[in-house]
PDB file of N, CA and C in Angstrom:
ATOM      1  N   MET A   1      19.341  -0.976   0.488  1.00  0.00           N
ATOM      2  CA  MET A   1      19.609   0.187  -0.657  1.00  0.00           C
ATOM      3  C   MET A   1      19.822  -0.873  -1.615  1.00  0.00           C
ATOM      4  N   ILE A   2      19.345   0.123  -2.921  1.00  0.00           N
ATOM      5  CA  ILE A   2      19.150  -0.784  -3.969  1.00  0.00           C
ATOM      6  C   ILE A   2      20.260  -1.297  -5.080  1.00  0.00           C
ATOM      7  N   GLU A   3      20.411  -2.283  -5.730  1.00  0.00           N
ATOM      8  CA  GLU A   3      21.580  -2.522  -6.489  1.00  0.00           C
ATOM      9  C   GLU A   3      21.056  -3.076  -7.976  1.00  0.00           C
ATOM     10  N   ILE A   4      21.325  -2.902  -8.813  1.00  0.00           N
ATOM     11  CA  ILE A   4      21.148  -2.985 -10.153  1.00  0.00           C
ATOM     12  C   ILE A   4      22.602  -3.421 -10.836  1.00  0.00           C
ATOM     13  N   ARG A   5      22.290  -5.119 -10.864  1.00  0.00           N
ATOM     14  CA  ARG A   5      23.480  -5.549 -11.677  1.00  0.00           C
ATOM     15  C   ARG A   5      23.419  -6.740 -12.827  1.00  0.00           C
ATOM     16  N   TYR A   6      24.214  -7.330 -13.053  1.00  0.00           N
ATOM     17  CA  TYR A   6      24.222  -7.781 -14.663  1.00  0.00           C
ATOM     18  C   TYR A   6      23.508  -9.347 -13.827  1.00  0.00           C
ATOM     19  N   LEU A   7      23.328 -10.290 -14.291  1.00  0.00           N
ATOM     20  CA  LEU A   7      22.750 -11.678 -14.046  1.00  0.00           C
ATOM     21  C   LEU A   7      23.718 -12.431 -13.885  1.00  0.00           C
ATOM     22  N   LYS A   8      23.812 -13.105 -13.011  1.00  0.00           N
ATOM     23  CA  LYS A   8      24.474 -14.175 -12.637  1.00  0.00           C
ATOM     24  C   LYS A   8      24.458 -15.707 -12.539  1.00  0.00           C
ATOM     25  N   GLU A   9      25.084 -16.824 -12.526  1.00  0.00           N
ATOM     26  CA  GLU A   9      24.768 -18.159 -12.179  1.00  0.00           C
ATOM     27  C   GLU A   9      23.967 -18.092 -10.675  1.00  0.00           C
ATOM     28  N   THR A  10      24.070 -17.277 -10.030  1.00  0.00           N
ATOM     29  CA  THR A  10      23.779 -17.752  -8.775  1.00  0.00           C
ATOM     30  C   THR A  10      22.638 -16.921  -8.495  1.00  0.00           C
ATOM     31  N   ASP A  11      22.407 -16.423  -9.385  1.00  0.00           N
ATOM     32  CA  ASP A  11      20.731 -15.772  -9.653  1.00  0.00           C
ATOM     33  C   ASP A  11      19.461 -16.701 -10.131  1.00  0.00           C
ATOM     34  N   LYS A  12      20.177 -18.143 -10.766  1.00  0.00           N
ATOM     35  CA  LYS A  12      19.195 -19.166 -11.205  1.00  0.00           C
ATOM     36  C   LYS A  12      17.877 -19.441 -10.601  1.00  0.00           C
ATOM     37  N   GLN A  13      18.297 -19.954  -8.944  1.00  0.00           N
ATOM     38  CA  GLN A  13      16.931 -20.193  -8.392  1.00  0.00           C
ATOM     39  C   GLN A  13      15.834 -18.845  -8.474  1.00  0.00           C
ATOM     40  N   PHE A  14      16.442 -17.736  -8.044  1.00  0.00           N
ATOM     41  CA  PHE A  14      15.376 -16.506  -7.775  1.00  0.00           C
ATOM     42  C   PHE A  14      14.677 -16.350  -9.138  1.00  0.00           C
ATOM     43  N   TRP A  15      15.521 -16.101 -10.508  1.00  0.00           N
ATOM     44  CA  TRP A  15      15.049 -15.683 -11.852  1.00  0.00           C
ATOM     45  C   TRP A  15      14.014 -16.897 -11.930  1.00  0.00           C
ATOM     46  N   TYR A  16      14.275 -18.364 -12.106  1.00  0.00           N
ATOM     47  CA  TYR A  16      12.801 -18.721 -12.523  1.00  0.00           C
ATOM     48  C   TYR A  16      11.692 -18.961 -11.185  1.00  0.00           C
ATOM     49  N   THR A  17      12.087 -18.051  -9.930  1.00  0.00           N
ATOM     50  CA  THR A  17      10.526 -17.863  -9.317  1.00  0.00           C
ATOM     51  C   THR A  17       9.630 -17.443 -10.029  1.00  0.00           C
ATOM     52  N   LEU A  18      10.284 -15.912 -10.824  1.00  0.00           N
ATOM     53  CA  LEU A  18       9.708 -15.241 -11.531  1.00  0.00           C
ATOM     54  C   LEU A  18       9.166 -15.200 -13.122  1.00  0.00           C
ATOM     55  N   ASP A  19      10.491 -15.777 -13.504  1.00  0.00           N
ATOM     56  CA  ASP A  19      10.520 -15.840 -15.067  1.00  0.00           C
ATOM     57  C   ASP A  19      10.488 -17.796 -15.549  1.00  0.00           C
ATOM     58  N   ARG A  20       9.410 -17.883 -15.727  1.00  0.00           N
ATOM     59  CA  ARG A  20       9.332 -19.479 -16.354  1.00  0.00           C
ATOM     60  C   ARG A  20       9.246 -19.909 -17.270  1.00  0.00           C
ATOM     61  N   TYR A  21       9.365 -18.826 -18.138  1.00  0.00           N
ATOM     62  CA  TYR A  21       9.179 -18.985 -20.121  1.00  0.00           C
ATOM     63  C   TYR A  21      10.758 -19.227 -20.221  1.00  0.00           C
ATOM     64  N   LEU A  22      11.898 -18.836 -19.961  1.00  0.00           N
ATOM     65  CA  LEU A  22      12.968 -18.237 -20.072  1.00  0.00           C
ATOM     66  C   LEU A  22      13.497 -20.067 -20.433  1.00  0.00           C
ATOM     67  N   PRO A  23      14.011 -20.537 -21.405  1.00  0.00           N
ATOM     68  CA  PRO A  23      14.681 -22.090 -21.742  1.00  0.00           C
ATOM     69  C   PRO A  23      16.037 -21.659 -20.805  1.00  0.00           C
ATOM     70  N   GLU A  24      16.852 -22.807 -20.322  1.00  0.00           N
ATOM     71  CA  GLU A  24      17.958 -22.961 -19.652  1.00  0.00           C
ATOM     72  C   GLU A  24      19.218 -22.600 -20.238  1.00  0.00           C
ATOM     73  N   THR A  25      19.258 -22.928 -21.661  1.00  0.00           N
ATOM     74  CA  THR A  25      20.181 -22.327 -22.489  1.00  0.00           C
ATOM     75  C   THR A  25      20.238 -20.992 -22.928  1.00  0.00           C
ATOM     76  N   GLU A  26      19.123 -20.535 -22.569  1.00  0.00           N
ATOM     77  CA  GLU A  26      19.114 -19.053 -22.898  1.00  0.00           C
ATOM     78  C   GLU A  26      19.186 -17.863 -21.384  1.00  0.00           C
ATOM     79  N   PHE A  27      19.360 -18.653 -20.322  1.00  0.00           N
ATOM     80  CA  PHE A  27      19.432 -18.177 -19.374  1.00  0.00           C
ATOM     81  C   PHE A  27      21.105 -17.940 -19.468  1.00  0.00           C
ATOM     82  N   GLN A  28      21.575 -19.007 -19.744  1.00  0.00           N
ATOM     83  CA  GLN A  28      23.127 -18.901 -19.699  1.00  0.00           C
ATOM     84  C   GLN A  28      23.752 -17.704 -21.175  1.00  0.00           C
ATOM     85  N   ASN A  29      22.685 -18.206 -22.131  1.00  0.00           N
ATOM     86  CA  ASN A  29      23.148 -17.059 -22.930  1.00  0.00           C
ATOM     87  C   ASN A  29      23.263 -15.554 -22.476  1.00  0.00           C
ATOM     88  N   LYS A  30      21.989 -15.393 -21.551  1.00  0.00           N
ATOM     89  CA  LYS A  30      21.878 -14.009 -20.879  1.00  0.00           C
ATOM     90  C   LYS A  30      23.032 -13.794 -20.072  1.00  0.00           C
ATOM     91  N   ILE A  31      23.359 -14.466 -19.394  1.00  0.00           N
ATOM     92  CA  ILE A  31      24.577 -14.353 -18.658  1.00  0.00           C
ATOM     93  C   ILE A  31      25.944 -13.928 -19.565  1.00  0.00           C
ATOM     94  N   CYS A  32      25.997 -14.606 -20.386  1.00  0.00           N
ATOM     95  CA  CYS A  32      27.451 -14.518 -21.283  1.00  0.00           C
ATOM     96  C   CYS A  32      27.038 -13.022 -22.045  1.00  0.00           C
ATOM     97  N   THR A  33      26.079 -12.888 -22.529  1.00  0.00           N
ATOM     98  CA  THR A  33      25.587 -11.710 -23.282  1.00  0.00           C
ATOM     99  C   THR A  33      25.580 -10.093 -22.698  1.00  0.00           C
ATOM    100  N   LYS A  34      25.281 -10.424 -21.395  1.00  0.00           N
ATOM    101  CA  LYS A  34      24.908  -9.524 -20.035  1.00  0.00           C
ATOM    102  C   LYS A  34      23.590  -8.623 -20.668  1.00  0.00           C
ATOM    103  N   MET A  35      22.376  -9.592 -20.914  1.00  0.00           N
ATOM    104  CA  MET A  35      21.619  -8.967 -21.324  1.00  0.00           C
ATOM    105  C   MET A  35      20.335  -9.387 -20.335  1.00  0.00           C
ATOM    106  N   GLY A  36      20.828  -9.505 -19.250  1.00  0.00           N
ATOM    107  CA  GLY A  36      19.720  -9.447 -18.068  1.00  0.00           C
ATOM    108  C   GLY A  36      20.108  -9.387 -16.885  1.00  0.00           C
ATOM    109  N   TYR A  37      19.385  -8.526 -16.379  1.00  0.00           N
ATOM    110  CA  TYR A  37      19.350  -7.358 -14.842  1.00  0.00           C
ATOM    111  C   TYR A  37      18.643  -8.330 -13.744  1.00  0.00           C
ATOM    112  N   VAL A  38      19.311  -8.069 -12.706  1.00  0.00           N
ATOM    113  CA  VAL A  38      18.561  -8.563 -11.195  1.00  0.00           C
ATOM    114  C   VAL A  38      18.921  -7.239 -10.574  1.00  0.00           C
ATOM    115  N   LEU A  39      17.489  -6.511 -10.272  1.00  0.00           N
ATOM    116  CA  LEU A  39      17.149  -5.619  -9.105  1.00  0.00           C
ATOM    117  C   LEU A  39      17.365  -6.126  -7.700  1.00  0.00           C
ATOM    118  N   LEU A  40      18.306  -5.933  -6.641  1.00  0.00           N
ATOM    119  CA  LEU A  40      18.151  -6.247  -5.097  1.00  0.00           C
ATOM    120  C   LEU A  40      17.774  -5.055  -4.461  1.00  0.00           C
ATOM    121  N   ASP A  41      17.394  -5.550  -2.999  1.00  0.00           N
ATOM    122  CA  ASP A  41      17.171  -4.319  -2.120  1.00  0.00           C
ATOM    123  C   ASP A  41      17.375  -5.026  -1.136  1.00  0.00           C
ATOM    124  N   SER A  42      18.221  -4.441  -0.528  1.00  0.00           N
ATOM    125  CA  SER A  42      19.129  -4.761   0.723  1.00  0.00           C
ATOM    126  C   SER A  42      19.937  -5.949   0.334  1.00  0.00           C
ATOM    127  N   ASP A  43      20.553  -6.720  -0.285  1.00  0.00           N
ATOM    128  CA  ASP A  43      20.869  -7.881  -1.064  1.00  0.00           C
ATOM    129  C   ASP A  43      19.791  -9.183  -1.295  1.00  0.00           C
ATOM    130  N   ASN A  44      18.886  -8.473  -1.559  1.00  0.00           N
ATOM    131  CA  ASN A  44      17.777  -9.069  -1.446  1.00  0.00           C
ATOM    132  C   ASN A  44      17.345  -9.490  -3.098  1.00  0.00           C
ATOM    133  N   PRO A  45      17.074 -10.488  -3.690  1.00  0.00           N
ATOM    134  CA  PRO A  45      16.561 -10.100  -5.102  1.00  0.00           C
ATOM    135  C   PRO A  45      15.522 -10.183  -5.143  1.00  0.00           C
ATOM    136  N   VAL A  46      14.883  -8.817  -5.507  1.00  0.00           N
ATOM    137  CA  VAL A  46      13.440  -8.556  -6.167  1.00  0.00           C
ATOM    138  C   VAL A  46      12.487  -8.282  -7.162  1.00  0.00           C
ATOM    139  N   GLY A  47      13.616  -8.242  -8.259  1.00  0.00           N
ATOM    140  CA  GLY A  47      13.212  -7.835  -9.159  1.00  0.00           C
ATOM    141  C   GLY A  47      13.958  -8.139 -10.583  1.00  0.00           C
ATOM    142  N   LEU A  48      13.479  -8.334 -12.053  1.00  0.00           N
ATOM    143  CA  LEU A  48      14.389  -8.846 -12.783  1.00  0.00           C
ATOM    144  C   LEU A  48      14.368  -8.163 -14.299  1.00  0.00           C
ATOM    145  N   LEU A  49      15.088  -8.058 -15.382  1.00  0.00           N
ATOM    146  CA  LEU A  49      14.810  -7.597 -16.395  1.00  0.00           C
ATOM    147  C   LEU A  49      15.478  -8.245 -17.395  1.00  0.00           C
ATOM    148  N   ARG A  50      14.848  -8.780 -18.771  1.00  0.00           N
ATOM    149  CA  ARG A  50      15.641  -9.447 -19.961  1.00  0.00           C
ATOM    150  C   ARG A  50      15.272  -8.457 -20.944  1.00  0.00           C
ATOM    151  N   TYR A  51      16.513  -8.503 -21.692  1.00  0.00           N
ATOM    152  CA  TYR A  51      16.045  -7.852 -23.094  1.00  0.00           C
ATOM    153  C   TYR A  51      16.833  -8.603 -24.123  1.00  0.00           C
ATOM    154  N   ASN A  52      16.304  -8.464 -25.793  1.00  0.00           N
ATOM    155  CA  ASN A  52      16.731  -8.668 -26.654  1.00  0.00           C
ATOM    156  C   ASN A  52      17.615  -7.767 -27.681  1.00  0.00           C
ATOM    157  N   LEU A  53      17.889  -7.715 -28.554  1.00  0.00           N
ATOM    158  CA  LEU A  53      18.133  -6.900 -29.955  1.00  0.00           C
ATOM    159  C   LEU A  53      16.956  -7.259 -30.881  1.00  0.00           C
ATOM    160  N   PHE A  54      16.671  -5.842 -31.192  1.00  0.00           N
ATOM    161  CA  PHE A  54      15.716  -5.828 -32.412  1.00  0.00           C
ATOM    162  C   PHE A  54      16.863  -4.946 -33.575  1.00  0.00           C
ATOM    163  N   TRP A  55      16.487  -6.140 -34.810  1.00  0.00           N
ATOM    164  CA  TRP A  55      17.396  -5.842 -36.079  1.00  0.00           C
ATOM    165  C   TRP A  55      19.212  -5.841 -35.508  1.00  0.00           C
ATOM    166  N   ASP A  56      19.536  -6.253 -34.310  1.00  0.00           N
ATOM    167  CA  ASP A  56      20.764  -6.782 -33.950  1.00  0.00           C
ATOM    168  C   ASP A  56      21.345  -5.673 -33.307  1.00  0.00           C
ATOM    169  N   ASN A  57      20.556  -4.274 -33.033  1.00  0.00           N
ATOM    170  CA  ASN A  57      21.602  -3.335 -32.442  1.00  0.00           C
ATOM    171  C   ASN A  57      20.251  -2.273 -31.842  1.00  0.00           C
ATOM    172  N   THR A  58      19.109  -2.594 -31.467  1.00  0.00           N
ATOM    173  CA  THR A  58      18.081  -1.920 -31.222  1.00  0.00           C
ATOM    174  C   THR A  58      17.530  -2.626 -29.669  1.00  0.00           C
ATOM    175  N   PRO A  59      17.984  -2.422 -28.741  1.00  0.00           N
ATOM    176  CA  PRO A  59      17.687  -3.021 -27.261  1.00  0.00           C
ATOM    177  C   PRO A  59      16.050  -2.836 -27.271  1.00  0.00           C
ATOM    178  N   PHE A  60      15.243  -4.070 -26.752  1.00  0.00           N
ATOM    179  CA  PHE A  60      13.955  -3.962 -26.298  1.00  0.00           C
ATOM    180  C   PHE A  60      13.893  -5.101 -25.196  1.00  0.00           C
ATOM    181  N   CYS A  61      12.847  -4.443 -24.185  1.00  0.00           N
ATOM    182  CA  CYS A  61      12.411  -4.882 -22.806  1.00  0.00           C
ATOM    183  C   CYS A  61      11.712  -6.519 -23.331  1.00  0.00           C
ATOM    184  N   THR A  62      12.254  -7.701 -23.046  1.00  0.00           N
ATOM    185  CA  THR A  62      11.077  -8.894 -23.334  1.00  0.00           C
ATOM    186  C   THR A  62      10.585  -9.806 -21.794  1.00  0.00           C
ATOM    187  N   MET A  63      11.133  -8.719 -20.893  1.00  0.00           N
ATOM    188  CA  MET A  63      10.597  -9.411 -19.621  1.00  0.00           C
ATOM    189  C   MET A  63      10.849  -8.298 -18.419  1.00  0.00           C
ATOM    190  N   LEU A  64       9.881  -8.087 -17.486  1.00  0.00           N
ATOM    191  CA  LEU A  64      10.272  -6.878 -16.551  1.00  0.00           C
ATOM    192  C   LEU A  64       9.316  -7.182 -15.543  1.00  0.00           C
ATOM    193  N   ILE A  65       9.580  -8.153 -14.308  1.00  0.00           N
ATOM    194  CA  ILE A  65       9.008  -8.716 -13.009  1.00  0.00           C
ATOM    195  C   ILE A  65       9.786  -8.180 -11.921  1.00  0.00           C
ATOM    196  N   VAL A  66       8.455  -7.827 -10.844  1.00  0.00           N
ATOM    197  CA  VAL A  66       9.081  -7.792  -9.530  1.00  0.00           C
ATOM    198  C   VAL A  66       8.423  -8.311  -8.936  1.00  0.00           C
ATOM    199  N   ALA A  67       8.793  -9.140  -7.984  1.00  0.00           N
ATOM    200  CA  ALA A  67       8.045  -9.959  -6.739  1.00  0.00           C
ATOM    201  C   ALA A  67       6.870  -8.922  -6.392  1.00  0.00           C
ATOM    202  N   GLU A  68       6.133  -9.897  -6.069  1.00  0.00           N
ATOM    203  CA  GLU A  68       4.447  -9.413  -5.591  1.00  0.00           C
ATOM    204  C   GLU A  68       4.984  -8.489  -4.648  1.00  0.00           C
ATOM    205  N   GLY A  69       5.472  -8.933  -3.512  1.00  0.00           N
ATOM    206  CA  GLY A  69       5.332  -7.816  -2.051  1.00  0.00           C
ATOM    207  C   GLY A  69       6.322  -6.630  -2.476  1.00  0.00           C
ATOM    208  N   TYR A  70       6.874  -6.760  -3.241  1.00  0.00           N
ATOM    209  CA  TYR A  70       7.616  -5.215  -3.876  1.00  0.00           C
ATOM    210  C   TYR A  70       7.391  -4.475  -4.850  1.00  0.00           C
ATOM    211  N   ARG A  71       6.024  -4.714  -5.231  1.00  0.00           N
ATOM    212  CA  ARG A  71       5.497  -3.810  -6.157  1.00  0.00           C
ATOM    213  C   ARG A  71       4.983  -2.553  -5.964  1.00  0.00           C
ATOM    214  N   GLY A  72       4.968  -1.820  -6.625  1.00  0.00           N
ATOM    215  CA  GLY A  72       4.151  -0.244  -6.324  1.00  0.00           C
ATOM    216  C   GLY A  72       5.410   0.422  -5.558  1.00  0.00           C
ATOM    217  N   LYS A  73       6.701  -0.083  -5.666  1.00  0.00           N
ATOM    218  CA  LYS A  73       7.780   1.031  -4.740  1.00  0.00           C
ATOM    219  C   LYS A  73       8.759   1.423  -6.126  1.00  0.00           C
ATOM    220  N   GLY A  74       7.887   1.351  -7.251  1.00  0.00           N
ATOM    221  CA  GLY A  74       9.106   1.951  -8.425  1.00  0.00           C
ATOM    222  C   GLY A  74      10.284   1.163  -8.576  1.00  0.00           C
ATOM    223  N   TYR A  75      10.388  -0.076  -8.525  1.00  0.00           N
ATOM    224  CA  TYR A  75      11.336  -1.072  -8.719  1.00  0.00           C
ATOM    225  C   TYR A  75      11.592  -1.121 -10.355  1.00  0.00           C
ATOM    226  N   GLY A  76      10.503  -1.279 -10.809  1.00  0.00           N
ATOM    227  CA  GLY A  76       9.968  -1.720 -12.383  1.00  0.00           C
ATOM    228  C   GLY A  76      10.812  -0.191 -13.064  1.00  0.00           C
ATOM    229  N   LYS A  77      10.400   0.723 -12.484  1.00  0.00           N
ATOM    230  CA  LYS A  77      10.805   2.164 -13.443  1.00  0.00           C
ATOM    231  C   LYS A  77      12.356   2.073 -13.026  1.00  0.00           C
ATOM    232  N   GLN A  78      12.699   1.697 -11.945  1.00  0.00           N
ATOM    233  CA  GLN A  78      14.540   1.848 -11.746  1.00  0.00           C
ATOM    234  C   GLN A  78      15.383   0.988 -12.902  1.00  0.00           C
ATOM    235  N   LEU A  79      14.634  -0.215 -12.900  1.00  0.00           N
ATOM    236  CA  LEU A  79      15.292  -1.499 -14.182  1.00  0.00           C
ATOM    237  C   LEU A  79      15.271  -0.534 -15.475  1.00  0.00           C
ATOM    238  N   MET A  80      13.899   0.145 -15.908  1.00  0.00           N
ATOM    239  CA  MET A  80      13.596   0.250 -17.467  1.00  0.00           C
ATOM    240  C   MET A  80      14.608   1.361 -17.196  1.00  0.00           C
ATOM    241  N   THR A  81      14.999   2.379 -16.058  1.00  0.00           N
ATOM    242  CA  THR A  81      15.591   3.646 -16.607  1.00  0.00           C
ATOM    243  C   THR A  81      17.438   3.105 -16.299  1.00  0.00           C
ATOM    244  N   HIS A  82      17.399   2.214 -15.815  1.00  0.00           N
ATOM    245  CA  HIS A  82      18.853   1.535 -15.850  1.00  0.00           C
ATOM    246  C   HIS A  82      19.251   1.096 -17.238  1.00  0.00           C
TER     247      HIS A  82
END
């Protein structure tokens, strides 16, 4: 079963396996502002999406990554649609 939910503190280890560029202070900010998502397949995290706001009101995706073994299954599209 696929689930997409907001980023949580408990996702930190998984997050940094895919996104090595986000400073830790920004990771905490993504949790507080709910501007980060994790995609889970059968409770196993397999993808992530983070975004910022352009002109303080228009969301734009700054990072979308799906773990290598899960690519080509439509998970990235599901994250963008969400």
